[in-house]
Amino acid sequence: MEIAGLLYEGRMDGENATMCRAPRAHVDVASTVDTFARFAKDQYNDMVALLAALSTKLKSSSNAYTTVDQDIQGQMNSILDCGRYVAPENR
């Protein structure tokens, strides 16, 4: 969860994203920044889900590091078992 917090703090600054919108910036720049910001948000959400799922598998001194109810654990296992990497250029 600490890593997810660090990723959250490193996200695109809202002020920078706002300043890059048309008419403040060229239309092409605004479009590219918007595409990047949406991609970065998607990547952030994927990473948080992955880290949360992995945290349920950690063990510390033979005790569970994180515990969740059975339904949530099933969803986390599904992320780990069925998830697949898709390269950015193939999205």
N, C-alpha and C. Protein backbone atom coordinates (compact mmCIF):
# COMPACT_ATOMS: atom_id res chain seq x y z
N MET A 1 0.81 -1.18 0.00
CA MET A 1 0.00 0.00 0.00
C MET A 1 0.87 1.26 0.00
N GLU A 2 2.08 1.14 0.61
CA GLU A 2 2.99 2.28 0.58
C GLU A 2 3.38 2.62 -0.85
N ILE A 3 3.64 1.60 -1.65
CA ILE A 3 4.02 1.82 -3.05
C ILE A 3 2.87 2.49 -3.79
N ALA A 4 1.66 2.04 -3.54
CA ALA A 4 0.50 2.66 -4.19
C ALA A 4 0.39 4.13 -3.79
N GLY A 5 0.67 4.43 -2.53
CA GLY A 5 0.65 5.82 -2.08
C GLY A 5 1.70 6.67 -2.78
N LEU A 6 2.88 6.10 -2.95
CA LEU A 6 3.94 6.83 -3.67
C LEU A 6 3.56 7.05 -5.13
N LEU A 7 2.94 6.05 -5.74
CA LEU A 7 2.48 6.22 -7.12
C LEU A 7 1.44 7.32 -7.21
N TYR A 8 0.55 7.37 -6.21
CA TYR A 8 -0.49 8.40 -6.20
C TYR A 8 0.14 9.79 -6.11
N GLU A 9 1.14 9.92 -5.26
CA GLU A 9 1.80 11.21 -5.10
C GLU A 9 2.56 11.63 -6.36
N GLY A 10 2.98 10.67 -7.18
CA GLY A 10 3.73 10.98 -8.39
C GLY A 10 2.87 11.17 -9.62
N ARG A 11 1.55 11.17 -9.45
CA ARG A 11 0.66 11.30 -10.60
C ARG A 11 0.76 12.71 -11.20
N MET A 12 0.19 12.86 -12.37
CA MET A 12 0.22 14.16 -13.04
C MET A 12 -0.50 15.20 -12.20
N ASP A 13 0.14 16.33 -12.02
CA ASP A 13 -0.42 17.43 -11.27
C ASP A 13 -1.62 18.00 -12.00
N GLY A 14 -2.72 18.21 -11.30
CA GLY A 14 -3.93 18.74 -11.92
C GLY A 14 -3.72 20.09 -12.56
N GLU A 15 -2.92 20.93 -11.93
CA GLU A 15 -2.65 22.26 -12.49
C GLU A 15 -1.92 22.16 -13.82
N ASN A 16 -0.94 21.26 -13.91
CA ASN A 16 -0.23 21.07 -15.18
C ASN A 16 -1.17 20.57 -16.27
N ALA A 17 -2.02 19.63 -15.92
CA ALA A 17 -2.95 19.10 -16.90
C ALA A 17 -3.94 20.17 -17.35
N THR A 18 -4.38 21.02 -16.42
CA THR A 18 -5.31 22.09 -16.78
C THR A 18 -4.64 23.12 -17.68
N MET A 19 -3.40 23.45 -17.37
CA MET A 19 -2.68 24.45 -18.17
C MET A 19 -2.43 23.97 -19.59
N CYS A 20 -2.45 22.69 -19.80
CA CYS A 20 -2.16 22.13 -21.12
C CYS A 20 -3.41 21.93 -21.97
N ARG A 21 -4.55 22.40 -21.52
CA ARG A 21 -5.78 22.28 -22.30
C ARG A 21 -5.92 23.45 -23.26
N ALA A 22 -6.59 23.17 -24.37
CA ALA A 22 -6.90 24.24 -25.32
C ALA A 22 -7.90 25.17 -24.64
N PRO A 23 -7.86 26.43 -24.80
CA PRO A 23 -7.04 27.24 -25.71
C PRO A 23 -5.72 27.70 -25.10
N ARG A 24 -5.40 27.28 -23.86
CA ARG A 24 -4.14 27.71 -23.26
C ARG A 24 -2.93 27.10 -23.96
N ALA A 25 -3.11 25.94 -24.54
CA ALA A 25 -2.03 25.26 -25.26
C ALA A 25 -2.53 24.92 -26.66
N HIS A 26 -1.61 24.62 -27.52
CA HIS A 26 -1.96 24.22 -28.89
C HIS A 26 -2.84 22.98 -28.83
N VAL A 27 -3.75 22.84 -29.75
CA VAL A 27 -4.71 21.74 -29.77
C VAL A 27 -3.99 20.39 -29.79
N ASP A 28 -2.91 20.26 -30.56
CA ASP A 28 -2.17 18.99 -30.61
C ASP A 28 -1.53 18.67 -29.26
N VAL A 29 -0.98 19.69 -28.60
CA VAL A 29 -0.38 19.49 -27.28
C VAL A 29 -1.46 19.07 -26.29
N ALA A 30 -2.59 19.77 -26.31
CA ALA A 30 -3.69 19.44 -25.40
C ALA A 30 -4.16 18.01 -25.60
N SER A 31 -4.27 17.59 -26.85
CA SER A 31 -4.72 16.22 -27.15
C SER A 31 -3.72 15.19 -26.64
N THR A 32 -2.44 15.45 -26.85
CA THR A 32 -1.40 14.52 -26.41
C THR A 32 -1.35 14.43 -24.89
N VAL A 33 -1.45 15.57 -24.22
CA VAL A 33 -1.44 15.57 -22.75
C VAL A 33 -2.66 14.83 -22.22
N ASP A 34 -3.81 15.02 -22.83
CA ASP A 34 -5.02 14.32 -22.40
C ASP A 34 -4.86 12.81 -22.56
N THR A 35 -4.31 12.39 -23.70
CA THR A 35 -4.07 10.96 -23.93
C THR A 35 -3.12 10.40 -22.88
N PHE A 36 -2.04 11.13 -22.61
CA PHE A 36 -1.06 10.69 -21.61
C PHE A 36 -1.70 10.62 -20.23
N ALA A 37 -2.47 11.64 -19.85
CA ALA A 37 -3.08 11.66 -18.52
C ALA A 37 -4.06 10.49 -18.34
N ARG A 38 -4.84 10.19 -19.36
CA ARG A 38 -5.77 9.06 -19.27
C ARG A 38 -5.02 7.73 -19.17
N PHE A 39 -3.94 7.58 -19.95
CA PHE A 39 -3.13 6.37 -19.90
C PHE A 39 -2.49 6.22 -18.52
N ALA A 40 -1.95 7.32 -17.99
CA ALA A 40 -1.30 7.27 -16.69
C ALA A 40 -2.29 6.90 -15.59
N LYS A 41 -3.50 7.43 -15.66
CA LYS A 41 -4.53 7.09 -14.67
C LYS A 41 -4.90 5.62 -14.76
N ASP A 42 -5.03 5.11 -15.98
CA ASP A 42 -5.34 3.70 -16.19
C ASP A 42 -4.23 2.82 -15.61
N GLN A 43 -2.99 3.19 -15.87
CA GLN A 43 -1.85 2.43 -15.36
C GLN A 43 -1.81 2.47 -13.83
N TYR A 44 -2.11 3.63 -13.26
CA TYR A 44 -2.13 3.77 -11.81
C TYR A 44 -3.18 2.84 -11.20
N ASN A 45 -4.38 2.86 -11.77
CA ASN A 45 -5.47 2.01 -11.25
C ASN A 45 -5.11 0.54 -11.36
N ASP A 46 -4.50 0.14 -12.48
CA ASP A 46 -4.07 -1.25 -12.64
C ASP A 46 -3.03 -1.63 -11.60
N MET A 47 -2.08 -0.74 -11.36
CA MET A 47 -1.01 -1.04 -10.40
C MET A 47 -1.55 -1.15 -8.99
N VAL A 48 -2.48 -0.29 -8.60
CA VAL A 48 -3.06 -0.36 -7.27
C VAL A 48 -3.80 -1.68 -7.09
N ALA A 49 -4.56 -2.10 -8.10
CA ALA A 49 -5.28 -3.39 -8.02
C ALA A 49 -4.29 -4.54 -7.90
N LEU A 50 -3.22 -4.51 -8.68
CA LEU A 50 -2.22 -5.57 -8.63
C LEU A 50 -1.53 -5.60 -7.27
N LEU A 51 -1.11 -4.45 -6.76
CA LEU A 51 -0.44 -4.41 -5.46
C LEU A 51 -1.37 -4.86 -4.34
N ALA A 52 -2.64 -4.48 -4.42
CA ALA A 52 -3.59 -4.92 -3.40
C ALA A 52 -3.77 -6.44 -3.46
N ALA A 53 -3.87 -6.98 -4.66
CA ALA A 53 -4.01 -8.43 -4.81
C ALA A 53 -2.77 -9.16 -4.29
N LEU A 54 -1.61 -8.64 -4.62
CA LEU A 54 -0.37 -9.27 -4.15
C LEU A 54 -0.22 -9.18 -2.64
N SER A 55 -0.71 -8.08 -2.04
CA SER A 55 -0.57 -7.93 -0.59
C SER A 55 -1.33 -9.00 0.17
N THR A 56 -2.37 -9.58 -0.45
CA THR A 56 -3.11 -10.64 0.24
C THR A 56 -2.34 -11.95 0.23
N LYS A 57 -1.27 -12.03 -0.54
CA LYS A 57 -0.47 -13.25 -0.62
C LYS A 57 0.77 -13.20 0.26
N LEU A 58 1.09 -12.03 0.82
CA LEU A 58 2.28 -11.88 1.65
C LEU A 58 2.11 -12.59 2.99
N LYS A 59 3.18 -13.16 3.45
CA LYS A 59 3.21 -13.77 4.78
C LYS A 59 4.37 -13.17 5.56
N SER A 60 4.14 -12.88 6.81
CA SER A 60 5.18 -12.33 7.67
C SER A 60 5.22 -13.16 8.95
N SER A 61 6.32 -13.82 9.20
CA SER A 61 6.47 -14.65 10.40
C SER A 61 5.31 -15.63 10.54
N SER A 62 4.98 -16.25 9.44
CA SER A 62 3.91 -17.26 9.33
C SER A 62 2.53 -16.71 9.66
N ASN A 63 2.35 -15.41 9.65
CA ASN A 63 1.04 -14.79 9.82
C ASN A 63 0.67 -14.07 8.54
N ALA A 64 -0.60 -14.00 8.26
CA ALA A 64 -1.05 -13.30 7.07
C ALA A 64 -0.77 -11.81 7.23
N TYR A 65 -0.19 -11.21 6.22
CA TYR A 65 0.11 -9.78 6.23
C TYR A 65 -1.18 -8.97 6.10
N THR A 66 -2.02 -9.40 5.17
CA THR A 66 -3.31 -8.75 4.95
C THR A 66 -4.37 -9.83 4.84
N THR A 67 -5.49 -9.62 5.48
CA THR A 67 -6.58 -10.58 5.36
C THR A 67 -7.81 -9.88 4.81
N VAL A 68 -8.55 -10.59 4.00
CA VAL A 68 -9.79 -10.08 3.42
C VAL A 68 -10.82 -11.19 3.46
N ASP A 69 -12.10 -10.83 3.26
CA ASP A 69 -13.12 -11.87 3.28
C ASP A 69 -13.00 -12.74 2.02
N GLN A 70 -13.69 -13.85 2.02
CA GLN A 70 -13.54 -14.87 0.98
C GLN A 70 -13.93 -14.36 -0.41
N ASP A 71 -14.99 -13.55 -0.52
CA ASP A 71 -15.39 -13.02 -1.82
C ASP A 71 -14.32 -12.11 -2.40
N ILE A 72 -13.79 -11.21 -1.56
CA ILE A 72 -12.74 -10.30 -2.02
C ILE A 72 -11.49 -11.09 -2.38
N GLN A 73 -11.15 -12.10 -1.58
CA GLN A 73 -9.97 -12.91 -1.89
C GLN A 73 -10.13 -13.60 -3.24
N GLY A 74 -11.34 -14.06 -3.55
CA GLY A 74 -11.59 -14.67 -4.85
C GLY A 74 -11.37 -13.68 -5.99
N GLN A 75 -11.79 -12.43 -5.79
CA GLN A 75 -11.58 -11.40 -6.81
C GLN A 75 -10.08 -11.09 -6.95
N MET A 76 -9.39 -11.03 -5.84
CA MET A 76 -7.94 -10.78 -5.88
C MET A 76 -7.22 -11.93 -6.59
N ASN A 77 -7.62 -13.16 -6.28
CA ASN A 77 -7.01 -14.31 -6.94
C ASN A 77 -7.27 -14.27 -8.44
N SER A 78 -8.46 -13.82 -8.83
CA SER A 78 -8.79 -13.71 -10.25
C SER A 78 -7.88 -12.72 -10.95
N ILE A 79 -7.59 -11.59 -10.28
CA ILE A 79 -6.66 -10.62 -10.86
C ILE A 79 -5.30 -11.26 -11.09
N LEU A 80 -4.83 -12.00 -10.09
CA LEU A 80 -3.50 -12.61 -10.20
C LEU A 80 -3.47 -13.77 -11.18
N ASP A 81 -4.55 -14.57 -11.21
CA ASP A 81 -4.57 -15.76 -12.07
C ASP A 81 -4.93 -15.45 -13.52
N CYS A 82 -5.84 -14.53 -13.73
CA CYS A 82 -6.37 -14.30 -15.08
C CYS A 82 -5.90 -13.01 -15.72
N GLY A 83 -5.24 -12.15 -14.95
CA GLY A 83 -4.76 -10.89 -15.51
C GLY A 83 -3.69 -11.14 -16.55
N ARG A 84 -3.58 -10.23 -17.49
CA ARG A 84 -2.53 -10.37 -18.50
C ARG A 84 -1.99 -9.00 -18.85
N TYR A 85 -0.72 -8.98 -19.18
CA TYR A 85 -0.06 -7.73 -19.55
C TYR A 85 -0.34 -7.42 -21.01
N VAL A 86 -0.75 -6.19 -21.27
CA VAL A 86 -0.96 -5.72 -22.62
C VAL A 86 -0.03 -4.51 -22.79
N ALA A 87 0.88 -4.61 -23.73
CA ALA A 87 1.81 -3.51 -23.96
C ALA A 87 1.06 -2.25 -24.36
N PRO A 88 1.55 -1.08 -23.94
CA PRO A 88 0.83 0.17 -24.24
C PRO A 88 0.54 0.36 -25.72
N GLU A 89 1.45 -0.03 -26.58
CA GLU A 89 1.23 0.18 -28.01
C GLU A 89 0.17 -0.75 -28.58
N ASN A 90 -0.27 -1.75 -27.82
CA ASN A 90 -1.29 -2.68 -28.28
C ASN A 90 -2.67 -2.41 -27.67
N ARG A 91 -2.82 -1.30 -26.99
CA ARG A 91 -4.11 -0.98 -26.35
C ARG A 91 -5.00 -0.23 -27.28
